[in-house]
Amino acid sequence: MTAFLIQNIAPIMFGALVIFLLIGYPVAFALAANGIFFGLLGIKLGLLEPSLFQALPERMWGVMSNDTLLAVPFFTFMGLILERSGMAEDLLDTIGQLFGPLRGGLAFAVIFVGALLAATTGAYSEIVKLAFPTPLEGANILYTVSYEDGPRINPQGSLKEGQSVFVKNWMIFNVTATDKS
């Protein structure tokens, strides 16, 4: 029995994941439980070293502190808002009518709407990177970001680190770098 498990652990692991999902567990919990269960089984069978589990908190912290991965829940939330408000469907219908007669028109419409929605916010760090692609030398450099002709809610203003603003056509950004010494 042990030799069978060792030889077929990957298909058994996949089958167990399918069973977890068919039972109705959420995907994140099913993946985590499946990985931990088969990790412990792998240690018991001598396929894995116990030190792998000792590194688990460090790996989890590394994933949670990754700034790029923070975008995933924010884009999910934005998609939910667009779906519930009906804006995404209206955009797809309108762009679909434009590209409808073309072959692959729906694909063009989805790509076009995705490109429109991806560029709707301007974060402080993104705007600074656009203005200064290579960071200036010195630890005391402070960037000041101001904008004009912005959205109706706040047509003029400035951004501090961590803030963002909705971007619209013909919006003007001014980015200056100063030495705060």
C-alpha atoms as a PDB file:
ATOM      1  CA  MET A   1       0.000   0.000   0.000  1.00  0.00           C
ATOM      2  CA  THR A   2       2.836   2.423   0.834  1.00  0.00           C
ATOM      3  CA  ALA A   3       4.572   1.759  -2.493  1.00  0.00           C
ATOM      4  CA  PHE A   4       1.282   2.422  -4.319  1.00  0.00           C
ATOM      5  CA  LEU A   5       0.864   5.770  -2.508  1.00  0.00           C
ATOM      6  CA  ILE A   6       4.436   6.793  -3.264  1.00  0.00           C
ATOM      7  CA  GLN A   7       4.090   5.929  -6.959  1.00  0.00           C
ATOM      8  CA  ASN A   8       0.672   7.597  -7.421  1.00  0.00           C
ATOM      9  CA  ILE A   9       0.648  10.500  -4.969  1.00  0.00           C
ATOM     10  CA  ALA A  10       0.120  13.189  -7.646  1.00  0.00           C
ATOM     11  CA  PRO A  11      -3.041  11.654  -9.187  1.00  0.00           C
ATOM     12  CA  ILE A  12      -4.385  10.834  -5.717  1.00  0.00           C
ATOM     13  CA  MET A  13      -3.733  14.430  -4.654  1.00  0.00           C
ATOM     14  CA  PHE A  14      -5.586  15.731  -7.717  1.00  0.00           C
ATOM     15  CA  GLY A  15      -8.491  13.362  -7.054  1.00  0.00           C
ATOM     16  CA  ALA A  16      -8.664  14.503  -3.430  1.00  0.00           C
ATOM     17  CA  LEU A  17      -8.783  18.134  -4.570  1.00  0.00           C
ATOM     18  CA  VAL A  18     -11.678  17.336  -6.924  1.00  0.00           C
ATOM     19  CA  ILE A  19     -13.502  15.579  -4.078  1.00  0.00           C
ATOM     20  CA  PHE A  20     -12.939  18.581  -1.755  1.00  0.00           C
ATOM     21  CA  LEU A  21     -14.382  20.876  -4.411  1.00  0.00           C
ATOM     22  CA  LEU A  22     -17.339  18.587  -5.166  1.00  0.00           C
ATOM     23  CA  ILE A  23     -18.186  18.438  -1.460  1.00  0.00           C
ATOM     24  CA  GLY A  24     -18.548  22.211  -1.626  1.00  0.00           C
ATOM     25  CA  TYR A  25     -15.508  23.657   0.108  1.00  0.00           C
ATOM     26  CA  PRO A  26     -14.313  27.029  -1.222  1.00  0.00           C
ATOM     27  CA  VAL A  27     -11.369  26.761  -3.604  1.00  0.00           C
ATOM     28  CA  ALA A  28      -8.883  28.537  -1.329  1.00  0.00           C
ATOM     29  CA  PHE A  29      -9.659  26.285   1.641  1.00  0.00           C
ATOM     30  CA  ALA A  30      -9.716  23.158  -0.520  1.00  0.00           C
ATOM     31  CA  LEU A  31      -6.282  23.964  -1.961  1.00  0.00           C
ATOM     32  CA  ALA A  32      -4.828  24.763   1.463  1.00  0.00           C
ATOM     33  CA  ALA A  33      -6.273  21.672   3.155  1.00  0.00           C
ATOM     34  CA  ASN A  34      -5.243  19.426   0.270  1.00  0.00           C
ATOM     35  CA  GLY A  35      -1.687  20.805   0.283  1.00  0.00           C
ATOM     36  CA  ILE A  36      -1.272  20.502   4.052  1.00  0.00           C
ATOM     37  CA  PHE A  37      -2.774  17.002   4.184  1.00  0.00           C
ATOM     38  CA  PHE A  38      -0.612  15.653   1.374  1.00  0.00           C
ATOM     39  CA  GLY A  39       2.428  17.535   2.700  1.00  0.00           C
ATOM     40  CA  LEU A  40       2.045  15.726   6.024  1.00  0.00           C
ATOM     41  CA  LEU A  41       1.472  12.450   4.166  1.00  0.00           C
ATOM     42  CA  GLY A  42       4.635  13.106   2.126  1.00  0.00           C
ATOM     43  CA  ILE A  43       6.619  13.637   5.324  1.00  0.00           C
ATOM     44  CA  LYS A  44       5.182  10.442   6.792  1.00  0.00           C
ATOM     45  CA  LEU A  45       6.130   8.494   3.644  1.00  0.00           C
ATOM     46  CA  GLY A  46       9.615  10.013   3.572  1.00  0.00           C
ATOM     47  CA  LEU A  47       9.073  11.953   0.332  1.00  0.00           C
ATOM     48  CA  LEU A  48       9.457  15.404   1.920  1.00  0.00           C
ATOM     49  CA  GLU A  49      11.633  16.906   4.614  1.00  0.00           C
ATOM     50  CA  PRO A  50       9.935  18.332   7.735  1.00  0.00           C
ATOM     51  CA  SER A  51      11.920  21.546   7.254  1.00  0.00           C
ATOM     52  CA  LEU A  52       9.547  22.437   4.399  1.00  0.00           C
ATOM     53  CA  PHE A  53       6.746  22.994   6.906  1.00  0.00           C
ATOM     54  CA  GLN A  54       9.045  25.073   9.099  1.00  0.00           C
ATOM     55  CA  ALA A  55       9.486  27.487   6.181  1.00  0.00           C
ATOM     56  CA  LEU A  56       5.709  27.795   5.637  1.00  0.00           C
ATOM     57  CA  PRO A  57       5.183  30.922   7.818  1.00  0.00           C
ATOM     58  CA  GLU A  58       8.027  32.722   6.037  1.00  0.00           C
ATOM     59  CA  ARG A  59       6.563  31.857   2.634  1.00  0.00           C
ATOM     60  CA  MET A  60       3.091  32.990   3.691  1.00  0.00           C
ATOM     61  CA  TRP A  61       4.485  36.295   4.981  1.00  0.00           C
ATOM     62  CA  GLY A  62       6.381  36.773   1.723  1.00  0.00           C
ATOM     63  CA  VAL A  63       3.217  36.305  -0.309  1.00  0.00           C
ATOM     64  CA  MET A  64       1.174  38.601   1.948  1.00  0.00           C
ATOM     65  CA  SER A  65       3.768  41.380   1.854  1.00  0.00           C
ATOM     66  CA  ASN A  66       4.009  41.340  -1.955  1.00  0.00           C
ATOM     67  CA  ASP A  67       2.608  44.697  -3.106  1.00  0.00           C
ATOM     68  CA  THR A  68       1.824  43.421  -6.586  1.00  0.00           C
ATOM     69  CA  LEU A  69      -0.513  40.764  -5.230  1.00  0.00           C
ATOM     70  CA  LEU A  70      -2.511  43.449  -3.403  1.00  0.00           C
ATOM     71  CA  ALA A  71      -3.957  44.407  -6.783  1.00  0.00           C
ATOM     72  CA  VAL A  72      -5.846  41.101  -7.055  1.00  0.00           C
ATOM     73  CA  PRO A  73      -8.553  41.799  -4.419  1.00  0.00           C
ATOM     74  CA  PHE A  74      -8.845  45.405  -5.553  1.00  0.00           C
ATOM     75  CA  PHE A  75      -9.471  44.431  -9.179  1.00  0.00           C
ATOM     76  CA  THR A  76     -11.900  41.746  -8.024  1.00  0.00           C
ATOM     77  CA  PHE A  77     -13.781  44.370  -6.001  1.00  0.00           C
ATOM     78  CA  MET A  78     -13.772  46.777  -8.957  1.00  0.00           C
ATOM     79  CA  GLY A  79     -15.135  44.045 -11.219  1.00  0.00           C
ATOM     80  CA  LEU A  80     -17.893  43.298  -8.724  1.00  0.00           C
ATOM     81  CA  ILE A  81     -18.892  46.957  -8.554  1.00  0.00           C
ATOM     82  CA  LEU A  82     -18.889  47.267 -12.351  1.00  0.00           C
ATOM     83  CA  GLU A  83     -21.010  44.133 -12.687  1.00  0.00           C
ATOM     84  CA  ARG A  84     -23.544  45.129 -10.021  1.00  0.00           C
ATOM     85  CA  SER A  85     -23.898  48.667 -11.375  1.00  0.00           C
ATOM     86  CA  GLY A  86     -24.424  47.371 -14.921  1.00  0.00           C
ATOM     87  CA  MET A  87     -21.617  49.513 -16.306  1.00  0.00           C
ATOM     88  CA  ALA A  88     -19.566  46.563 -17.558  1.00  0.00           C
ATOM     89  CA  GLU A  89     -22.537  45.108 -19.431  1.00  0.00           C
ATOM     90  CA  ASP A  90     -23.381  48.481 -20.994  1.00  0.00           C
ATOM     91  CA  LEU A  91     -19.762  48.940 -22.068  1.00  0.00           C
ATOM     92  CA  LEU A  92     -19.606  45.464 -23.586  1.00  0.00           C
ATOM     93  CA  ASP A  93     -22.921  45.966 -25.410  1.00  0.00           C
ATOM     94  CA  THR A  94     -21.819  49.302 -26.850  1.00  0.00           C
ATOM     95  CA  ILE A  95     -18.363  48.145 -27.901  1.00  0.00           C
ATOM     96  CA  GLY A  96     -19.876  44.857 -29.124  1.00  0.00           C
ATOM     97  CA  GLN A  97     -22.125  46.809 -31.492  1.00  0.00           C
ATOM     98  CA  LEU A  98     -19.073  48.671 -32.775  1.00  0.00           C
ATOM     99  CA  PHE A  99     -17.015  45.516 -33.390  1.00  0.00           C
ATOM    100  CA  GLY A 100     -19.993  43.187 -34.020  1.00  0.00           C
ATOM    101  CA  PRO A 101     -19.692  42.886 -37.804  1.00  0.00           C
ATOM    102  CA  LEU A 102     -15.981  42.021 -37.603  1.00  0.00           C
ATOM    103  CA  ARG A 103     -14.764  38.458 -37.326  1.00  0.00           C
ATOM    104  CA  GLY A 104     -13.821  37.922 -33.675  1.00  0.00           C
ATOM    105  CA  GLY A 105     -15.689  41.095 -32.730  1.00  0.00           C
ATOM    106  CA  LEU A 106     -16.549  39.858 -29.250  1.00  0.00           C
ATOM    107  CA  ALA A 107     -12.866  39.213 -28.511  1.00  0.00           C
ATOM    108  CA  PHE A 108     -11.985  42.725 -29.695  1.00  0.00           C
ATOM    109  CA  ALA A 109     -14.757  44.152 -27.526  1.00  0.00           C
ATOM    110  CA  VAL A 110     -13.578  42.298 -24.398  1.00  0.00           C
ATOM    111  CA  ILE A 111      -9.949  43.360 -24.935  1.00  0.00           C
ATOM    112  CA  PHE A 112     -10.960  46.973 -25.591  1.00  0.00           C
ATOM    113  CA  VAL A 113     -13.202  47.184 -22.499  1.00  0.00           C
ATOM    114  CA  GLY A 114     -10.491  45.515 -20.389  1.00  0.00           C
ATOM    115  CA  ALA A 115      -7.952  48.077 -21.569  1.00  0.00           C
ATOM    116  CA  LEU A 116     -10.347  50.907 -20.734  1.00  0.00           C
ATOM    117  CA  LEU A 117     -11.062  49.618 -17.250  1.00  0.00           C
ATOM    118  CA  ALA A 118      -7.419  48.864 -16.465  1.00  0.00           C
ATOM    119  CA  ALA A 119      -6.444  52.497 -16.934  1.00  0.00           C
ATOM    120  CA  THR A 120      -9.129  54.124 -14.793  1.00  0.00           C
ATOM    121  CA  THR A 121      -7.062  54.914 -11.711  1.00  0.00           C
ATOM    122  CA  GLY A 122      -3.756  56.617 -11.273  1.00  0.00           C
ATOM    123  CA  ALA A 123      -1.851  55.745  -8.136  1.00  0.00           C
ATOM    124  CA  TYR A 124       0.845  57.995  -6.692  1.00  0.00           C
ATOM    125  CA  SER A 125       3.637  55.456  -7.257  1.00  0.00           C
ATOM    126  CA  GLU A 126       2.578  54.775 -10.865  1.00  0.00           C
ATOM    127  CA  ILE A 127       2.482  58.466 -11.728  1.00  0.00           C
ATOM    128  CA  VAL A 128       5.923  59.043 -10.160  1.00  0.00           C
ATOM    129  CA  LYS A 129       7.325  56.076 -12.132  1.00  0.00           C
ATOM    130  CA  LEU A 130       5.928  57.548 -15.362  1.00  0.00           C
ATOM    131  CA  ALA A 131       7.504  60.925 -14.639  1.00  0.00           C
ATOM    132  CA  PHE A 132      10.823  59.545 -13.361  1.00  0.00           C
ATOM    133  CA  PRO A 133      11.455  56.083 -14.893  1.00  0.00           C
ATOM    134  CA  THR A 134      14.843  55.899 -13.179  1.00  0.00           C
ATOM    135  CA  PRO A 135      14.644  57.042  -9.550  1.00  0.00           C
ATOM    136  CA  LEU A 136      16.753  60.036  -8.632  1.00  0.00           C
ATOM    137  CA  GLU A 137      19.842  59.502  -6.501  1.00  0.00           C
ATOM    138  CA  GLY A 138      19.632  60.265  -2.810  1.00  0.00           C
ATOM    139  CA  ALA A 139      17.684  59.018   0.161  1.00  0.00           C
ATOM    140  CA  ASN A 140      15.969  62.362   0.834  1.00  0.00           C
ATOM    141  CA  ILE A 141      14.177  62.769  -2.483  1.00  0.00           C
ATOM    142  CA  LEU A 142      10.508  63.760  -2.057  1.00  0.00           C
ATOM    143  CA  TYR A 143       8.100  63.639  -5.000  1.00  0.00           C
ATOM    144  CA  THR A 144       5.169  66.026  -5.185  1.00  0.00           C
ATOM    145  CA  VAL A 145       2.264  65.032  -7.451  1.00  0.00           C
ATOM    146  CA  SER A 146      -0.467  67.523  -8.323  1.00  0.00           C
ATOM    147  CA  TYR A 147      -3.177  67.343 -10.969  1.00  0.00           C
ATOM    148  CA  GLU A 148      -5.612  69.572 -12.855  1.00  0.00           C
ATOM    149  CA  ASP A 149      -8.765  68.870 -14.883  1.00  0.00           C
ATOM    150  CA  GLY A 150      -9.477  65.798 -12.753  1.00  0.00           C
ATOM    151  CA  PRO A 151     -12.789  64.097 -12.041  1.00  0.00           C
ATOM    152  CA  ARG A 152     -15.837  66.158 -11.143  1.00  0.00           C
ATOM    153  CA  ILE A 153     -15.565  65.237  -7.460  1.00  0.00           C
ATOM    154  CA  ASN A 154     -12.093  66.751  -7.068  1.00  0.00           C
ATOM    155  CA  PRO A 155     -10.963  68.525 -10.273  1.00  0.00           C
ATOM    156  CA  GLN A 156      -7.721  69.824  -8.716  1.00  0.00           C
ATOM    157  CA  GLY A 157      -5.541  68.438  -5.988  1.00  0.00           C
ATOM    158  CA  SER A 158      -2.399  66.680  -4.966  1.00  0.00           C
ATOM    159  CA  LEU A 159      -1.534  63.094  -4.163  1.00  0.00           C
ATOM    160  CA  LYS A 160       0.460  61.743  -1.259  1.00  0.00           C
ATOM    161  CA  GLU A 161       2.141  58.361  -1.168  1.00  0.00           C
ATOM    162  CA  GLY A 162      -0.489  55.606  -1.118  1.00  0.00           C
ATOM    163  CA  GLN A 163      -3.276  57.744  -2.620  1.00  0.00           C
ATOM    164  CA  SER A 164      -4.869  57.439  -6.046  1.00  0.00           C
ATOM    165  CA  VAL A 165      -7.279  59.389  -8.229  1.00  0.00           C
ATOM    166  CA  PHE A 166      -9.619  58.446 -11.071  1.00  0.00           C
ATOM    167  CA  VAL A 167      -8.013  59.369 -14.375  1.00  0.00           C
ATOM    168  CA  LYS A 168      -9.967  60.982 -17.201  1.00  0.00           C
ATOM    169  CA  ASN A 169      -9.046  62.279 -20.635  1.00  0.00           C
ATOM    170  CA  TRP A 170      -6.993  65.481 -20.836  1.00  0.00           C
ATOM    171  CA  MET A 171      -6.043  65.316 -17.165  1.00  0.00           C
ATOM    172  CA  ILE A 172      -2.752  67.086 -16.383  1.00  0.00           C
ATOM    173  CA  PHE A 173      -0.278  65.728 -13.821  1.00  0.00           C
ATOM    174  CA  ASN A 174       2.663  67.722 -12.465  1.00  0.00           C
ATOM    175  CA  VAL A 175       5.377  65.740 -10.719  1.00  0.00           C
ATOM    176  CA  THR A 176       8.338  67.465  -9.078  1.00  0.00           C
ATOM    177  CA  ALA A 177      11.241  66.002  -7.171  1.00  0.00           C
ATOM    178  CA  THR A 178      12.815  67.900  -4.303  1.00  0.00           C
ATOM    179  CA  ASP A 179      15.573  67.152  -1.815  1.00  0.00           C
ATOM    180  CA  LYS A 180      13.951  67.379   1.603  1.00  0.00           C
ATOM    181  CA  SER A 181      17.245  67.918   3.455  1.00  0.00           C
END
